[in-house]
Amino acid sequence: MKLLLIAMIISLSACATVKTLPTTTSHVNIEHHGKRSYCQSIPRIYSGFSYNLCKLHGEPSRQVNLGDSFNNVPFFIIDGTFSLVADTVILPYTLYTQNKHGSIDVN
């Protein structure tokens, strides 16, 4: 139980939703191990989940890094799950900010 709580705290501190939530955010840099994303923009609605998907849609890498995992579950899946939940909770707010400020530019 304690391990799960620690994992949740660590995941929320690095949660993609937290990175994309502020209304002052109009640009975000998305890269994974130095490889940039091909995404042009992400919507503010479900922005944390979109952020994680954009990490996957980037420059190919021949190097496989299995070190970014927790109990053999890749970190982006854990973060994506927490982001999906957080994005759903704040959906009314992100609907408003999407309408007022538009999408977030990437790279």
N, C-alpha and C. Protein backbone atom coordinates (compact mmCIF):
# COMPACT_ATOMS: atom_id res chain seq x y z
N MET A 1 0.81 -1.19 0.00
CA MET A 1 0.00 0.00 0.00
C MET A 1 0.86 1.26 0.00
N LYS A 2 1.92 1.26 0.82
CA LYS A 2 2.81 2.41 0.88
C LYS A 2 3.51 2.61 -0.44
N LEU A 3 3.87 1.51 -1.10
CA LEU A 3 4.55 1.60 -2.38
C LEU A 3 3.65 2.24 -3.43
N LEU A 4 2.38 1.89 -3.40
CA LEU A 4 1.42 2.47 -4.33
C LEU A 4 1.25 3.97 -4.08
N LEU A 5 1.18 4.36 -2.81
CA LEU A 5 1.07 5.77 -2.46
C LEU A 5 2.29 6.57 -2.92
N ILE A 6 3.47 6.01 -2.73
CA ILE A 6 4.70 6.67 -3.18
C ILE A 6 4.71 6.80 -4.70
N ALA A 7 4.29 5.75 -5.39
CA ALA A 7 4.23 5.80 -6.85
C ALA A 7 3.26 6.86 -7.34
N MET A 8 2.13 7.00 -6.65
CA MET A 8 1.15 8.02 -7.04
C MET A 8 1.70 9.42 -6.83
N ILE A 9 2.37 9.66 -5.73
CA ILE A 9 2.94 10.98 -5.45
C ILE A 9 4.00 11.33 -6.49
N ILE A 10 4.86 10.39 -6.81
CA ILE A 10 5.90 10.63 -7.81
C ILE A 10 5.27 10.89 -9.17
N SER A 11 4.27 10.11 -9.52
CA SER A 11 3.62 10.28 -10.82
C SER A 11 2.91 11.62 -10.93
N LEU A 12 2.24 12.05 -9.86
CA LEU A 12 1.53 13.32 -9.92
C LEU A 12 2.49 14.50 -9.98
N SER A 13 3.66 14.36 -9.39
CA SER A 13 4.61 15.47 -9.46
C SER A 13 5.19 15.64 -10.86
N ALA A 14 5.18 14.58 -11.63
CA ALA A 14 5.69 14.65 -13.01
C ALA A 14 4.55 14.53 -14.02
N CYS A 15 3.34 14.61 -13.55
CA CYS A 15 2.17 14.43 -14.39
C CYS A 15 2.13 15.45 -15.53
N ALA A 16 1.88 14.97 -16.73
CA ALA A 16 1.83 15.85 -17.89
C ALA A 16 0.71 16.87 -17.79
N THR A 17 -0.36 16.54 -17.10
CA THR A 17 -1.46 17.49 -16.93
C THR A 17 -0.99 18.73 -16.17
N VAL A 18 -0.16 18.53 -15.16
CA VAL A 18 0.35 19.65 -14.38
C VAL A 18 1.22 20.56 -15.26
N LYS A 19 1.95 19.99 -16.20
CA LYS A 19 2.81 20.78 -17.09
C LYS A 19 2.01 21.62 -18.07
N THR A 20 0.82 21.16 -18.43
CA THR A 20 0.06 21.83 -19.49
C THR A 20 -1.16 22.59 -18.98
N LEU A 21 -1.42 22.57 -17.69
CA LEU A 21 -2.64 23.14 -17.14
C LEU A 21 -2.68 24.66 -17.04
N PRO A 22 -1.62 25.35 -16.64
CA PRO A 22 -1.74 26.80 -16.44
C PRO A 22 -2.19 27.53 -17.71
N THR A 23 -3.04 28.55 -17.53
CA THR A 23 -3.53 29.31 -18.69
C THR A 23 -2.41 30.13 -19.32
N THR A 24 -1.32 30.37 -18.58
CA THR A 24 -0.19 31.10 -19.15
C THR A 24 0.63 30.23 -20.09
N THR A 25 0.37 28.93 -20.09
CA THR A 25 1.09 28.02 -20.97
C THR A 25 0.54 28.14 -22.38
N SER A 26 1.35 28.67 -23.29
CA SER A 26 0.94 28.74 -24.69
C SER A 26 1.90 27.95 -25.57
N HIS A 27 2.97 27.45 -24.96
CA HIS A 27 3.98 26.69 -25.67
C HIS A 27 4.55 25.64 -24.73
N VAL A 28 4.77 24.44 -25.24
CA VAL A 28 5.36 23.38 -24.43
C VAL A 28 6.38 22.63 -25.29
N ASN A 29 7.49 22.27 -24.68
CA ASN A 29 8.53 21.53 -25.37
C ASN A 29 8.37 20.05 -25.03
N ILE A 30 8.15 19.22 -26.03
CA ILE A 30 7.96 17.79 -25.82
C ILE A 30 9.09 17.05 -26.49
N GLU A 31 9.86 16.34 -25.68
CA GLU A 31 10.91 15.48 -26.21
C GLU A 31 11.11 14.31 -25.27
N HIS A 32 11.66 13.24 -25.82
CA HIS A 32 11.92 12.04 -25.03
C HIS A 32 13.32 11.55 -25.37
N HIS A 33 14.18 11.59 -24.40
CA HIS A 33 15.59 11.20 -24.58
C HIS A 33 16.24 11.97 -25.73
N GLY A 34 15.97 13.27 -25.79
CA GLY A 34 16.58 14.13 -26.78
C GLY A 34 15.92 14.10 -28.15
N LYS A 35 14.91 13.28 -28.33
CA LYS A 35 14.20 13.18 -29.61
C LYS A 35 12.94 14.03 -29.54
N ARG A 36 12.78 14.95 -30.50
CA ARG A 36 11.65 15.88 -30.49
C ARG A 36 10.38 15.23 -31.04
N SER A 37 9.25 15.77 -30.63
CA SER A 37 7.95 15.28 -31.07
C SER A 37 7.60 15.87 -32.43
N TYR A 38 6.82 15.14 -33.21
CA TYR A 38 6.33 15.64 -34.49
C TYR A 38 5.03 16.45 -34.32
N CYS A 39 4.46 16.45 -33.13
CA CYS A 39 3.22 17.18 -32.89
C CYS A 39 3.43 18.68 -33.08
N GLN A 40 2.46 19.34 -33.68
CA GLN A 40 2.50 20.79 -33.89
C GLN A 40 1.84 21.52 -32.73
N SER A 41 0.74 20.94 -32.21
CA SER A 41 0.01 21.54 -31.09
C SER A 41 -0.77 20.45 -30.38
N ILE A 42 -1.18 20.75 -29.15
CA ILE A 42 -2.05 19.85 -28.41
C ILE A 42 -3.22 20.65 -27.87
N PRO A 43 -4.40 20.03 -27.82
CA PRO A 43 -5.55 20.74 -27.28
C PRO A 43 -5.43 20.86 -25.76
N ARG A 44 -6.04 21.87 -25.20
CA ARG A 44 -6.04 22.00 -23.73
C ARG A 44 -6.96 20.96 -23.10
N ILE A 45 -7.95 20.48 -23.85
CA ILE A 45 -8.84 19.43 -23.37
C ILE A 45 -8.06 18.11 -23.47
N TYR A 46 -7.92 17.43 -22.34
CA TYR A 46 -7.10 16.21 -22.23
C TYR A 46 -5.66 16.48 -22.67
N SER A 47 -5.13 17.63 -22.27
CA SER A 47 -3.78 18.04 -22.67
C SER A 47 -2.69 17.14 -22.08
N GLY A 48 -2.88 16.66 -20.88
CA GLY A 48 -1.88 15.78 -20.27
C GLY A 48 -1.76 14.47 -21.02
N PHE A 49 -2.90 13.90 -21.39
CA PHE A 49 -2.88 12.65 -22.15
C PHE A 49 -2.32 12.89 -23.55
N SER A 50 -2.69 14.02 -24.16
CA SER A 50 -2.16 14.37 -25.49
C SER A 50 -0.65 14.57 -25.43
N TYR A 51 -0.18 15.17 -24.35
CA TYR A 51 1.26 15.37 -24.14
C TYR A 51 1.99 14.03 -24.18
N ASN A 52 1.45 13.04 -23.48
CA ASN A 52 2.08 11.72 -23.46
C ASN A 52 2.03 11.05 -24.83
N LEU A 53 0.94 11.21 -25.56
CA LEU A 53 0.86 10.64 -26.90
C LEU A 53 1.88 11.30 -27.83
N CYS A 54 2.09 12.60 -27.66
CA CYS A 54 3.07 13.31 -28.49
C CYS A 54 4.50 12.85 -28.18
N LYS A 55 4.75 12.41 -26.97
CA LYS A 55 6.06 11.86 -26.64
C LYS A 55 6.33 10.60 -27.46
N LEU A 56 5.28 9.84 -27.75
CA LEU A 56 5.42 8.63 -28.55
C LEU A 56 5.53 8.94 -30.03
N HIS A 57 4.94 10.05 -30.47
CA HIS A 57 4.94 10.44 -31.88
C HIS A 57 6.09 11.41 -32.14
N GLY A 58 7.29 10.86 -32.20
CA GLY A 58 8.45 11.71 -32.37
C GLY A 58 9.52 11.05 -33.21
N GLU A 59 10.67 11.67 -33.23
CA GLU A 59 11.80 11.15 -33.99
C GLU A 59 12.12 9.73 -33.53
N PRO A 60 12.36 8.83 -34.48
CA PRO A 60 12.67 7.45 -34.09
C PRO A 60 14.03 7.36 -33.39
N SER A 61 14.12 6.38 -32.53
CA SER A 61 15.36 6.15 -31.80
C SER A 61 15.73 4.68 -31.92
N ARG A 62 16.98 4.42 -32.23
CA ARG A 62 17.44 3.03 -32.32
C ARG A 62 17.75 2.48 -30.94
N GLN A 63 17.88 3.37 -29.99
CA GLN A 63 18.23 2.98 -28.63
C GLN A 63 16.96 2.67 -27.84
N VAL A 64 16.91 1.47 -27.26
CA VAL A 64 15.78 1.09 -26.42
C VAL A 64 16.21 1.28 -24.98
N ASN A 65 15.46 2.09 -24.25
CA ASN A 65 15.78 2.36 -22.86
C ASN A 65 14.68 1.79 -21.98
N LEU A 66 14.95 0.69 -21.31
CA LEU A 66 13.96 0.07 -20.45
C LEU A 66 14.08 0.55 -19.01
N GLY A 67 14.96 1.51 -18.75
CA GLY A 67 15.15 2.01 -17.40
C GLY A 67 14.03 2.90 -16.92
N ASP A 68 13.21 3.43 -17.82
CA ASP A 68 12.11 4.31 -17.44
C ASP A 68 10.84 3.50 -17.20
N SER A 69 10.87 2.69 -16.14
CA SER A 69 9.71 1.86 -15.83
C SER A 69 9.59 1.67 -14.33
N PHE A 70 8.42 1.24 -13.91
CA PHE A 70 8.15 0.94 -12.51
C PHE A 70 7.50 -0.44 -12.49
N ASN A 71 8.17 -1.41 -11.91
CA ASN A 71 7.71 -2.81 -11.92
C ASN A 71 7.43 -3.29 -13.34
N ASN A 72 8.33 -2.97 -14.25
CA ASN A 72 8.28 -3.35 -15.67
C ASN A 72 7.11 -2.73 -16.43
N VAL A 73 6.49 -1.69 -15.87
CA VAL A 73 5.46 -0.93 -16.58
C VAL A 73 6.10 0.39 -16.99
N PRO A 74 6.15 0.66 -18.31
CA PRO A 74 6.78 1.92 -18.75
C PRO A 74 6.14 3.13 -18.08
N PHE A 75 6.99 4.10 -17.73
CA PHE A 75 6.53 5.27 -16.99
C PHE A 75 5.48 6.06 -17.76
N PHE A 76 5.59 6.12 -19.11
CA PHE A 76 4.61 6.91 -19.86
C PHE A 76 3.21 6.30 -19.76
N ILE A 77 3.10 5.00 -19.53
CA ILE A 77 1.78 4.38 -19.34
C ILE A 77 1.22 4.77 -17.97
N ILE A 78 2.07 4.76 -16.95
CA ILE A 78 1.64 5.17 -15.62
C ILE A 78 1.22 6.64 -15.63
N ASP A 79 2.09 7.49 -16.21
CA ASP A 79 1.79 8.92 -16.27
C ASP A 79 0.56 9.17 -17.13
N GLY A 80 0.43 8.43 -18.22
CA GLY A 80 -0.74 8.59 -19.09
C GLY A 80 -2.04 8.25 -18.37
N THR A 81 -2.00 7.24 -17.53
CA THR A 81 -3.19 6.85 -16.77
C THR A 81 -3.57 7.94 -15.77
N PHE A 82 -2.58 8.42 -15.01
CA PHE A 82 -2.85 9.49 -14.05
C PHE A 82 -3.29 10.76 -14.78
N SER A 83 -2.69 11.05 -15.93
CA SER A 83 -3.07 12.24 -16.69
C SER A 83 -4.50 12.12 -17.20
N LEU A 84 -4.89 10.95 -17.63
CA LEU A 84 -6.25 10.74 -18.12
C LEU A 84 -7.27 10.99 -17.01
N VAL A 85 -6.98 10.51 -15.81
CA VAL A 85 -7.87 10.75 -14.67
C VAL A 85 -7.90 12.24 -14.32
N ALA A 86 -6.72 12.85 -14.22
CA ALA A 86 -6.65 14.27 -13.87
C ALA A 86 -7.33 15.13 -14.93
N ASP A 87 -7.12 14.80 -16.21
CA ASP A 87 -7.75 15.56 -17.29
C ASP A 87 -9.27 15.46 -17.23
N THR A 88 -9.79 14.31 -16.84
CA THR A 88 -11.24 14.14 -16.73
C THR A 88 -11.79 14.97 -15.58
N VAL A 89 -11.08 15.02 -14.46
CA VAL A 89 -11.53 15.80 -13.30
C VAL A 89 -11.59 17.29 -13.63
N ILE A 90 -10.62 17.79 -14.38
CA ILE A 90 -10.57 19.23 -14.67
C ILE A 90 -11.18 19.59 -16.02
N LEU A 91 -11.96 18.68 -16.58
CA LEU A 91 -12.56 18.89 -17.90
C LEU A 91 -13.36 20.19 -18.02
N PRO A 92 -14.19 20.57 -17.07
CA PRO A 92 -14.91 21.85 -17.22
C PRO A 92 -13.97 23.04 -17.38
N TYR A 93 -12.90 23.06 -16.61
CA TYR A 93 -11.92 24.15 -16.70
C TYR A 93 -11.21 24.15 -18.05
N THR A 94 -10.79 22.97 -18.53
CA THR A 94 -10.07 22.93 -19.80
C THR A 94 -10.98 23.22 -20.99
N LEU A 95 -12.25 22.90 -20.87
CA LEU A 95 -13.19 23.29 -21.94
C LEU A 95 -13.24 24.81 -22.06
N TYR A 96 -13.29 25.48 -20.93
CA TYR A 96 -13.30 26.95 -20.91
C TYR A 96 -12.00 27.51 -21.47
N THR A 97 -10.85 27.01 -21.00
CA THR A 97 -9.57 27.56 -21.46
C THR A 97 -9.29 27.24 -22.93
N GLN A 98 -9.77 26.11 -23.41
CA GLN A 98 -9.61 25.79 -24.84
C GLN A 98 -10.37 26.81 -25.67
N ASN A 99 -11.58 27.13 -25.24
CA ASN A 99 -12.39 28.10 -25.95
C ASN A 99 -11.78 29.50 -25.91
N LYS A 100 -11.22 29.87 -24.75
CA LYS A 100 -10.67 31.22 -24.58
C LYS A 100 -9.27 31.39 -25.16
N HIS A 101 -8.38 30.41 -24.96
CA HIS A 101 -6.97 30.55 -25.34
C HIS A 101 -6.54 29.68 -26.52
N GLY A 102 -7.33 28.70 -26.92
CA GLY A 102 -6.95 27.82 -28.01
C GLY A 102 -5.97 26.74 -27.59
N SER A 103 -5.41 26.06 -28.56
CA SER A 103 -4.50 24.95 -28.30
C SER A 103 -3.12 25.44 -27.87
N ILE A 104 -2.30 24.52 -27.38
CA ILE A 104 -0.96 24.80 -26.92
C ILE A 104 0.03 24.40 -28.02
N ASP A 105 0.90 25.31 -28.43
CA ASP A 105 1.91 25.02 -29.44
C ASP A 105 2.98 24.09 -28.86
N VAL A 106 3.50 23.21 -29.70
CA VAL A 106 4.51 22.25 -29.28
C VAL A 106 5.84 22.57 -29.99
N ASN A 107 6.92 22.47 -29.23
CA ASN A 107 8.29 22.70 -29.71
C ASN A 107 8.36 24.04 -30.39
